[in-house]
Amino acid sequence: MQDLPPATLEGKMIAQRRMIAQILAVLIENAADDRLADLLLDVRDLPLDQQEDPGAVPDPAMAVQGAVIEELRLIADEARRLMAERKADGTA
């Protein structure tokens, strides 16, 4: 893959996050079982920031894990926002 400027990479990631959140919102809204929402949106069992002390010199794996956790939270938050927006508009 060619080297892309950081702004381009960030834009692509934001677009993917939004698309995933929209797919999640539609799946959850159309699910017959509320357990799907719990499964897809429950990020409470993931460590919060600084909950796991990486030590004086953070391990690169901790940085990756932190990025994964943050991205999952952002996707879940966006899906919740979309569902609330649709519910308020009466489109859900």
PDB file of N, CA and C in Angstrom:
ATOM      1  N   MET A   1       0.848  -1.176   0.000  1.00  0.00           N
ATOM      2  CA  MET A   1       0.000   0.000   0.000  1.00  0.00           C
ATOM      3  C   MET A   1       0.891   1.236   0.000  1.00  0.00           C
ATOM      4  N   GLN A   2       0.503   2.186  -0.781  1.00  0.00           N
ATOM      5  CA  GLN A   2       1.272   3.419  -0.829  1.00  0.00           C
ATOM      6  C   GLN A   2       1.141   4.190   0.477  1.00  0.00           C
ATOM      7  N   ASP A   3       2.147   4.998   0.757  1.00  0.00           N
ATOM      8  CA  ASP A   3       2.080   5.832   1.967  1.00  0.00           C
ATOM      9  C   ASP A   3       1.053   6.931   1.770  1.00  0.00           C
ATOM     10  N   LEU A   4       0.107   6.996   2.683  1.00  0.00           N
ATOM     11  CA  LEU A   4      -0.941   8.017   2.631  1.00  0.00           C
ATOM     12  C   LEU A   4      -0.685   9.049   3.716  1.00  0.00           C
ATOM     13  N   PRO A   5      -1.024  10.302   3.455  1.00  0.00           N
ATOM     14  CA  PRO A   5      -0.876  11.322   4.498  1.00  0.00           C
ATOM     15  C   PRO A   5      -1.758  10.986   5.697  1.00  0.00           C
ATOM     16  N   PRO A   6      -1.327  11.363   6.895  1.00  0.00           N
ATOM     17  CA  PRO A   6      -2.119  11.070   8.095  1.00  0.00           C
ATOM     18  C   PRO A   6      -3.563  11.561   8.007  1.00  0.00           C
ATOM     19  N   ALA A   7      -3.793  12.713   7.417  1.00  0.00           N
ATOM     20  CA  ALA A   7      -5.164  13.228   7.313  1.00  0.00           C
ATOM     21  C   ALA A   7      -6.025  12.316   6.440  1.00  0.00           C
ATOM     22  N   THR A   8      -5.450  11.755   5.392  1.00  0.00           N
ATOM     23  CA  THR A   8      -6.188  10.835   4.523  1.00  0.00           C
ATOM     24  C   THR A   8      -6.531   9.557   5.274  1.00  0.00           C
ATOM     25  N   LEU A   9      -5.564   9.024   5.998  1.00  0.00           N
ATOM     26  CA  LEU A   9      -5.814   7.810   6.786  1.00  0.00           C
ATOM     27  C   LEU A   9      -6.889   8.051   7.840  1.00  0.00           C
ATOM     28  N   GLU A  10      -6.811   9.192   8.511  1.00  0.00           N
ATOM     29  CA  GLU A  10      -7.810   9.507   9.534  1.00  0.00           C
ATOM     30  C   GLU A  10      -9.197   9.631   8.911  1.00  0.00           C
ATOM     31  N   GLY A  11      -9.290  10.288   7.768  1.00  0.00           N
ATOM     32  CA  GLY A  11     -10.577  10.412   7.076  1.00  0.00           C
ATOM     33  C   GLY A  11     -11.153   9.060   6.701  1.00  0.00           C
ATOM     34  N   LYS A  12     -10.310   8.166   6.223  1.00  0.00           N
ATOM     35  CA  LYS A  12     -10.773   6.823   5.855  1.00  0.00           C
ATOM     36  C   LYS A  12     -11.260   6.067   7.088  1.00  0.00           C
ATOM     37  N   MET A  13     -10.541   6.199   8.194  1.00  0.00           N
ATOM     38  CA  MET A  13     -10.944   5.501   9.416  1.00  0.00           C
ATOM     39  C   MET A  13     -12.265   6.047   9.952  1.00  0.00           C
ATOM     40  N   ILE A  14     -12.449   7.345   9.905  1.00  0.00           N
ATOM     41  CA  ILE A  14     -13.700   7.945  10.376  1.00  0.00           C
ATOM     42  C   ILE A  14     -14.862   7.470   9.514  1.00  0.00           C
ATOM     43  N   ALA A  15     -14.655   7.416   8.198  1.00  0.00           N
ATOM     44  CA  ALA A  15     -15.713   6.937   7.299  1.00  0.00           C
ATOM     45  C   ALA A  15     -16.073   5.488   7.612  1.00  0.00           C
ATOM     46  N   GLN A  16     -15.074   4.661   7.853  1.00  0.00           N
ATOM     47  CA  GLN A  16     -15.335   3.254   8.186  1.00  0.00           C
ATOM     48  C   GLN A  16     -16.060   3.134   9.514  1.00  0.00           C
ATOM     49  N   ARG A  17     -15.647   3.934  10.499  1.00  0.00           N
ATOM     50  CA  ARG A  17     -16.309   3.912  11.803  1.00  0.00           C
ATOM     51  C   ARG A  17     -17.788   4.267  11.648  1.00  0.00           C
ATOM     52  N   ARG A  18     -18.071   5.309  10.883  1.00  0.00           N
ATOM     53  CA  ARG A  18     -19.458   5.732  10.695  1.00  0.00           C
ATOM     54  C   ARG A  18     -20.278   4.664   9.987  1.00  0.00           C
ATOM     55  N   MET A  19     -19.696   4.021   8.983  1.00  0.00           N
ATOM     56  CA  MET A  19     -20.420   2.984   8.253  1.00  0.00           C
ATOM     57  C   MET A  19     -20.692   1.778   9.157  1.00  0.00           C
ATOM     58  N   ILE A  20     -19.712   1.375   9.923  1.00  0.00           N
ATOM     59  CA  ILE A  20     -19.901   0.250  10.853  1.00  0.00           C
ATOM     60  C   ILE A  20     -20.979   0.590  11.874  1.00  0.00           C
ATOM     61  N   ALA A  21     -20.958   1.817  12.396  1.00  0.00           N
ATOM     62  CA  ALA A  21     -21.967   2.231  13.375  1.00  0.00           C
ATOM     63  C   ALA A  21     -23.357   2.213  12.756  1.00  0.00           C
ATOM     64  N   GLN A  22     -23.492   2.640  11.513  1.00  0.00           N
ATOM     65  CA  GLN A  22     -24.801   2.612  10.857  1.00  0.00           C
ATOM     66  C   GLN A  22     -25.282   1.180  10.653  1.00  0.00           C
ATOM     67  N   ILE A  23     -24.391   0.302  10.263  1.00  0.00           N
ATOM     68  CA  ILE A  23     -24.758  -1.108  10.095  1.00  0.00           C
ATOM     69  C   ILE A  23     -25.196  -1.694  11.430  1.00  0.00           C
ATOM     70  N   LEU A  24     -24.440  -1.421  12.495  1.00  0.00           N
ATOM     71  CA  LEU A  24     -24.807  -1.908  13.832  1.00  0.00           C
ATOM     72  C   LEU A  24     -26.174  -1.385  14.252  1.00  0.00           C
ATOM     73  N   ALA A  25     -26.400  -0.103  14.041  1.00  0.00           N
ATOM     74  CA  ALA A  25     -27.675   0.497  14.438  1.00  0.00           C
ATOM     75  C   ALA A  25     -28.835  -0.184  13.723  1.00  0.00           C
ATOM     76  N   VAL A  26     -28.704  -0.421  12.433  1.00  0.00           N
ATOM     77  CA  VAL A  26     -29.780  -1.076  11.673  1.00  0.00           C
ATOM     78  C   VAL A  26     -29.966  -2.519  12.135  1.00  0.00           C
ATOM     79  N   LEU A  27     -28.871  -3.233  12.345  1.00  0.00           N
ATOM     80  CA  LEU A  27     -28.970  -4.617  12.821  1.00  0.00           C
ATOM     81  C   LEU A  27     -29.694  -4.688  14.162  1.00  0.00           C
ATOM     82  N   ILE A  28     -29.320  -3.805  15.064  1.00  0.00           N
ATOM     83  CA  ILE A  28     -29.915  -3.809  16.403  1.00  0.00           C
ATOM     84  C   ILE A  28     -31.386  -3.404  16.339  1.00  0.00           C
ATOM     85  N   GLU A  29     -31.692  -2.383  15.558  1.00  0.00           N
ATOM     86  CA  GLU A  29     -33.080  -1.921  15.454  1.00  0.00           C
ATOM     87  C   GLU A  29     -33.992  -2.992  14.862  1.00  0.00           C
ATOM     88  N   ASN A  30     -33.449  -3.826  13.992  1.00  0.00           N
ATOM     89  CA  ASN A  30     -34.257  -4.850  13.329  1.00  0.00           C
ATOM     90  C   ASN A  30     -34.163  -6.216  14.002  1.00  0.00           C
ATOM     91  N   ALA A  31     -33.421  -6.308  15.078  1.00  0.00           N
ATOM     92  CA  ALA A  31     -33.259  -7.581  15.781  1.00  0.00           C
ATOM     93  C   ALA A  31     -34.496  -7.875  16.613  1.00  0.00           C
ATOM     94  N   ALA A  32     -34.880  -9.127  16.629  1.00  0.00           N
ATOM     95  CA  ALA A  32     -36.026  -9.547  17.433  1.00  0.00           C
ATOM     96  C   ALA A  32     -35.623  -9.761  18.888  1.00  0.00           C
ATOM     97  N   ASP A  33     -34.345  -9.813  19.147  1.00  0.00           N
ATOM     98  CA  ASP A  33     -33.841 -10.145  20.474  1.00  0.00           C
ATOM     99  C   ASP A  33     -32.949  -9.011  20.978  1.00  0.00           C
ATOM    100  N   ASP A  34     -33.235  -8.489  22.166  1.00  0.00           N
ATOM    101  CA  ASP A  34     -32.442  -7.401  22.738  1.00  0.00           C
ATOM    102  C   ASP A  34     -31.021  -7.824  23.098  1.00  0.00           C
ATOM    103  N   ARG A  35     -30.783  -9.119  23.161  1.00  0.00           N
ATOM    104  CA  ARG A  35     -29.440  -9.573  23.505  1.00  0.00           C
ATOM    105  C   ARG A  35     -28.414  -9.171  22.449  1.00  0.00           C
ATOM    106  N   LEU A  36     -28.859  -8.975  21.207  1.00  0.00           N
ATOM    107  CA  LEU A  36     -27.935  -8.546  20.156  1.00  0.00           C
ATOM    108  C   LEU A  36     -27.354  -7.174  20.490  1.00  0.00           C
ATOM    109  N   ALA A  37     -28.182  -6.271  20.950  1.00  0.00           N
ATOM    110  CA  ALA A  37     -27.694  -4.935  21.332  1.00  0.00           C
ATOM    111  C   ALA A  37     -26.685  -5.046  22.460  1.00  0.00           C
ATOM    112  N   ASP A  38     -26.995  -5.883  23.442  1.00  0.00           N
ATOM    113  CA  ASP A  38     -26.058  -6.059  24.560  1.00  0.00           C
ATOM    114  C   ASP A  38     -24.721  -6.594  24.070  1.00  0.00           C
ATOM    115  N   LEU A  39     -24.779  -7.551  23.182  1.00  0.00           N
ATOM    116  CA  LEU A  39     -23.565  -8.173  22.662  1.00  0.00           C
ATOM    117  C   LEU A  39     -22.740  -7.181  21.842  1.00  0.00           C
ATOM    118  N   LEU A  40     -23.403  -6.445  20.974  1.00  0.00           N
ATOM    119  CA  LEU A  40     -22.685  -5.565  20.055  1.00  0.00           C
ATOM    120  C   LEU A  40     -22.231  -4.258  20.681  1.00  0.00           C
ATOM    121  N   LEU A  41     -22.955  -3.767  21.652  1.00  0.00           N
ATOM    122  CA  LEU A  41     -22.647  -2.454  22.208  1.00  0.00           C
ATOM    123  C   LEU A  41     -21.987  -2.490  23.576  1.00  0.00           C
ATOM    124  N   ASP A  42     -21.866  -3.663  24.162  1.00  0.00           N
ATOM    125  CA  ASP A  42     -21.335  -3.742  25.520  1.00  0.00           C
ATOM    126  C   ASP A  42     -19.816  -3.709  25.496  1.00  0.00           C
ATOM    127  N   VAL A  43     -19.269  -2.568  25.787  1.00  0.00           N
ATOM    128  CA  VAL A  43     -17.825  -2.428  25.887  1.00  0.00           C
ATOM    129  C   VAL A  43     -17.410  -2.143  27.331  1.00  0.00           C
ATOM    130  N   ARG A  44     -18.339  -2.404  28.265  1.00  0.00           N
ATOM    131  CA  ARG A  44     -18.060  -2.114  29.676  1.00  0.00           C
ATOM    132  C   ARG A  44     -17.000  -3.032  30.261  1.00  0.00           C
ATOM    133  N   ASP A  45     -16.827  -4.222  29.698  1.00  0.00           N
ATOM    134  CA  ASP A  45     -15.847  -5.138  30.262  1.00  0.00           C
ATOM    135  C   ASP A  45     -14.429  -4.838  29.787  1.00  0.00           C
ATOM    136  N   LEU A  46     -14.289  -3.865  28.890  1.00  0.00           N
ATOM    137  CA  LEU A  46     -12.967  -3.498  28.411  1.00  0.00           C
ATOM    138  C   LEU A  46     -12.325  -2.532  29.403  1.00  0.00           C
ATOM    139  N   PRO A  47     -11.006  -2.602  29.552  1.00  0.00           N
ATOM    140  CA  PRO A  47     -10.335  -1.715  30.511  1.00  0.00           C
ATOM    141  C   PRO A  47     -10.516  -0.251  30.138  1.00  0.00           C
ATOM    142  N   LEU A  48     -10.748   0.574  31.154  1.00  0.00           N
ATOM    143  CA  LEU A  48     -10.823   2.017  30.944  1.00  0.00           C
ATOM    144  C   LEU A  48      -9.411   2.573  30.839  1.00  0.00           C
ATOM    145  N   ASP A  49      -9.288   3.816  30.401  1.00  0.00           N
ATOM    146  CA  ASP A  49      -7.978   4.450  30.301  1.00  0.00           C
ATOM    147  C   ASP A  49      -7.253   4.364  31.638  1.00  0.00           C
ATOM    148  N   GLN A  50      -5.997   4.004  31.584  1.00  0.00           N
ATOM    149  CA  GLN A  50      -5.116   3.857  32.739  1.00  0.00           C
ATOM    150  C   GLN A  50      -5.597   2.809  33.745  1.00  0.00           C
ATOM    151  N   GLN A  51      -6.591   1.993  33.371  1.00  0.00           N
ATOM    152  CA  GLN A  51      -7.045   0.969  34.298  1.00  0.00           C
ATOM    153  C   GLN A  51      -5.989  -0.135  34.426  1.00  0.00           C
ATOM    154  N   GLU A  52      -5.314  -0.385  33.330  1.00  0.00           N
ATOM    155  CA  GLU A  52      -4.213  -1.328  33.373  1.00  0.00           C
ATOM    156  C   GLU A  52      -2.938  -0.528  33.200  1.00  0.00           C
ATOM    157  N   ASP A  53      -2.124  -0.475  34.239  1.00  0.00           N
ATOM    158  CA  ASP A  53      -0.922   0.333  34.223  1.00  0.00           C
ATOM    159  C   ASP A  53       0.125  -0.320  33.328  1.00  0.00           C
ATOM    160  N   PRO A  54       0.520   0.361  32.235  1.00  0.00           N
ATOM    161  CA  PRO A  54       1.505  -0.235  31.347  1.00  0.00           C
ATOM    162  C   PRO A  54       2.931  -0.149  31.873  1.00  0.00           C
ATOM    163  N   GLY A  55       3.129   0.532  32.986  1.00  0.00           N
ATOM    164  CA  GLY A  55       4.464   0.662  33.543  1.00  0.00           C
ATOM    165  C   GLY A  55       5.144   1.926  33.050  1.00  0.00           C
ATOM    166  N   ALA A  56       6.417   2.075  33.403  1.00  0.00           N
ATOM    167  CA  ALA A  56       7.148   3.282  33.047  1.00  0.00           C
ATOM    168  C   ALA A  56       7.367   3.392  31.539  1.00  0.00           C
ATOM    169  N   VAL A  57       7.611   2.258  30.908  1.00  0.00           N
ATOM    170  CA  VAL A  57       7.824   2.232  29.463  1.00  0.00           C
ATOM    171  C   VAL A  57       6.702   1.399  28.854  1.00  0.00           C
ATOM    172  N   PRO A  58       5.697   2.074  28.274  1.00  0.00           N
ATOM    173  CA  PRO A  58       4.558   1.343  27.722  1.00  0.00           C
ATOM    174  C   PRO A  58       4.981   0.369  26.625  1.00  0.00           C
ATOM    175  N   ASP A  59       4.423  -0.796  26.678  1.00  0.00           N
ATOM    176  CA  ASP A  59       4.651  -1.838  25.680  1.00  0.00           C
ATOM    177  C   ASP A  59       3.856  -1.469  24.430  1.00  0.00           C
ATOM    178  N   PRO A  60       4.420  -1.643  23.233  1.00  0.00           N
ATOM    179  CA  PRO A  60       3.664  -1.349  22.016  1.00  0.00           C
ATOM    180  C   PRO A  60       2.340  -2.111  21.944  1.00  0.00           C
ATOM    181  N   ALA A  61       2.287  -3.300  22.515  1.00  0.00           N
ATOM    182  CA  ALA A  61       1.040  -4.068  22.514  1.00  0.00           C
ATOM    183  C   ALA A  61      -0.042  -3.347  23.307  1.00  0.00           C
ATOM    184  N   MET A  62       0.339  -2.660  24.394  1.00  0.00           N
ATOM    185  CA  MET A  62      -0.632  -1.889  25.176  1.00  0.00           C
ATOM    186  C   MET A  62      -1.174  -0.724  24.353  1.00  0.00           C
ATOM    187  N   ALA A  63      -0.330  -0.119  23.544  1.00  0.00           N
ATOM    188  CA  ALA A  63      -0.781   0.980  22.692  1.00  0.00           C
ATOM    189  C   ALA A  63      -1.797   0.474  21.687  1.00  0.00           C
ATOM    190  N   VAL A  64      -1.542  -0.679  21.121  1.00  0.00           N
ATOM    191  CA  VAL A  64      -2.480  -1.268  20.156  1.00  0.00           C
ATOM    192  C   VAL A  64      -3.778  -1.618  20.863  1.00  0.00           C
ATOM    193  N   GLN A  65      -3.689  -2.249  22.032  1.00  0.00           N
ATOM    194  CA  GLN A  65      -4.887  -2.620  22.785  1.00  0.00           C
ATOM    195  C   GLN A  65      -5.695  -1.378  23.141  1.00  0.00           C
ATOM    196  N   GLY A  66      -5.028  -0.327  23.542  1.00  0.00           N
ATOM    197  CA  GLY A  66      -5.721   0.914  23.870  1.00  0.00           C
ATOM    198  C   GLY A  66      -6.438   1.492  22.664  1.00  0.00           C
ATOM    199  N   ALA A  67      -5.807   1.435  21.503  1.00  0.00           N
ATOM    200  CA  ALA A  67      -6.427   1.942  20.280  1.00  0.00           C
ATOM    201  C   ALA A  67      -7.645   1.105  19.901  1.00  0.00           C
ATOM    202  N   VAL A  68      -7.548  -0.205  20.070  1.00  0.00           N
ATOM    203  CA  VAL A  68      -8.682  -1.091  19.766  1.00  0.00           C
ATOM    204  C   VAL A  68      -9.859  -0.773  20.676  1.00  0.00           C
ATOM    205  N   ILE A  69      -9.589  -0.649  21.968  1.00  0.00           N
ATOM    206  CA  ILE A  69     -10.641  -0.366  22.939  1.00  0.00           C
ATOM    207  C   ILE A  69     -11.302   0.976  22.640  1.00  0.00           C
ATOM    208  N   GLU A  70     -10.495   1.988  22.360  1.00  0.00           N
ATOM    209  CA  GLU A  70     -11.034   3.307  22.052  1.00  0.00           C
ATOM    210  C   GLU A  70     -11.896   3.260  20.795  1.00  0.00           C
ATOM    211  N   GLU A  71     -11.462   2.550  19.775  1.00  0.00           N
ATOM    212  CA  GLU A  71     -12.230   2.471  18.535  1.00  0.00           C
ATOM    213  C   GLU A  71     -13.554   1.741  18.754  1.00  0.00           C
ATOM    214  N   LEU A  72     -13.541   0.660  19.531  1.00  0.00           N
ATOM    215  CA  LEU A  72     -14.784  -0.053  19.834  1.00  0.00           C
ATOM    216  C   LEU A  72     -15.766   0.854  20.566  1.00  0.00           C
ATOM    217  N   ARG A  73     -15.251   1.638  21.493  1.00  0.00           N
ATOM    218  CA  ARG A  73     -16.116   2.578  22.218  1.00  0.00           C
ATOM    219  C   ARG A  73     -16.694   3.635  21.284  1.00  0.00           C
ATOM    220  N   LEU A  74     -15.865   4.158  20.399  1.00  0.00           N
ATOM    221  CA  LEU A  74     -16.337   5.178  19.463  1.00  0.00           C
ATOM    222  C   LEU A  74     -17.427   4.621  18.541  1.00  0.00           C
ATOM    223  N   ILE A  75     -17.239   3.405  18.066  1.00  0.00           N
ATOM    224  CA  ILE A  75     -18.242   2.777  17.195  1.00  0.00           C
ATOM    225  C   ILE A  75     -19.541   2.555  17.958  1.00  0.00           C
ATOM    226  N   ALA A  76     -19.447   2.011  19.169  1.00  0.00           N
ATOM    227  CA  ALA A  76     -20.643   1.757  19.972  1.00  0.00           C
ATOM    228  C   ALA A  76     -21.366   3.064  20.300  1.00  0.00           C
ATOM    229  N   ASP A  77     -20.618   4.106  20.653  1.00  0.00           N
ATOM    230  CA  ASP A  77     -21.229   5.400  20.961  1.00  0.00           C
ATOM    231  C   ASP A  77     -21.946   5.975  19.740  1.00  0.00           C
ATOM    232  N   GLU A  78     -21.324   5.863  18.580  1.00  0.00           N
ATOM    233  CA  GLU A  78     -21.940   6.380  17.353  1.00  0.00           C
ATOM    234  C   GLU A  78     -23.198   5.586  17.004  1.00  0.00           C
ATOM    235  N   ALA A  79     -23.169   4.272  17.182  1.00  0.00           N
ATOM    236  CA  ALA A  79     -24.352   3.450  16.908  1.00  0.00           C
ATOM    237  C   ALA A  79     -25.488   3.829  17.854  1.00  0.00           C
ATOM    238  N   ARG A  80     -25.177   4.036  19.124  1.00  0.00           N
ATOM    239  CA  ARG A  80     -26.200   4.469  20.085  1.00  0.00           C
ATOM    240  C   ARG A  80     -26.790   5.824  19.696  1.00  0.00           C
ATOM    241  N   ARG A  81     -25.918   6.745  19.286  1.00  0.00           N
ATOM    242  CA  ARG A  81     -26.375   8.074  18.876  1.00  0.00           C
ATOM    243  C   ARG A  81     -27.302   7.978  17.665  1.00  0.00           C
ATOM    244  N   LEU A  82     -26.936   7.161  16.693  1.00  0.00           N
ATOM    245  CA  LEU A  82     -27.765   6.986  15.504  1.00  0.00           C
ATOM    246  C   LEU A  82     -29.126   6.394  15.855  1.00  0.00           C
ATOM    247  N   MET A  83     -29.133   5.401  16.743  1.00  0.00           N
ATOM    248  CA  MET A  83     -30.398   4.780  17.134  1.00  0.00           C
ATOM    249  C   MET A  83     -31.284   5.784  17.869  1.00  0.00           C
ATOM    250  N   ALA A  84     -30.689   6.576  18.751  1.00  0.00           N
ATOM    251  CA  ALA A  84     -31.466   7.583  19.480  1.00  0.00           C
ATOM    252  C   ALA A  84     -32.003   8.644  18.522  1.00  0.00           C
ATOM    253  N   GLU A  85     -31.196   9.032  17.561  1.00  0.00           N
ATOM    254  CA  GLU A  85     -31.625  10.024  16.574  1.00  0.00           C
ATOM    255  C   GLU A  85     -32.787   9.493  15.740  1.00  0.00           C
ATOM    256  N   ARG A  86     -32.698   8.245  15.301  1.00  0.00           N
ATOM    257  CA  ARG A  86     -33.775   7.654  14.509  1.00  0.00           C
ATOM    258  C   ARG A  86     -35.060   7.495  15.328  1.00  0.00           C
ATOM    259  N   LYS A  87     -34.876   7.131  16.586  1.00  0.00           N
ATOM    260  CA  LYS A  87     -36.038   6.966  17.468  1.00  0.00           C
ATOM    261  C   LYS A  87     -36.729   8.315  17.674  1.00  0.00           C
ATOM    262  N   ALA A  88     -35.947   9.360  17.877  1.00  0.00           N
ATOM    263  CA  ALA A  88     -36.517  10.696  18.077  1.00  0.00           C
ATOM    264  C   ALA A  88     -37.221  11.208  16.819  1.00  0.00           C
ATOM    265  N   ASP A  89     -36.676  10.834  15.670  1.00  0.00           N
ATOM    266  CA  ASP A  89     -37.284  11.245  14.395  1.00  0.00           C
ATOM    267  C   ASP A  89     -38.460  10.366  13.999  1.00  0.00           C
ATOM    268  N   GLY A  90     -38.614   9.241  14.689  1.00  0.00           N
ATOM    269  CA  GLY A  90     -39.673   8.299  14.350  1.00  0.00           C
ATOM    270  C   GLY A  90     -39.349   7.435  13.138  1.00  0.00           C
ATOM    271  N   THR A  91     -38.075   7.368  12.783  1.00  0.00           N
ATOM    272  CA  THR A  91     -37.665   6.564  11.626  1.00  0.00           C
ATOM    273  C   THR A  91     -37.159   5.187  12.023  1.00  0.00           C
ATOM    274  N   ALA A  92     -37.112   4.912  13.304  1.00  0.00           N
ATOM    275  CA  ALA A  92     -36.625   3.591  13.756  1.00  0.00           C
ATOM    276  C   ALA A  92     -37.803   2.677  14.038  1.00  0.00           C
TER     277      ALA A  92
END
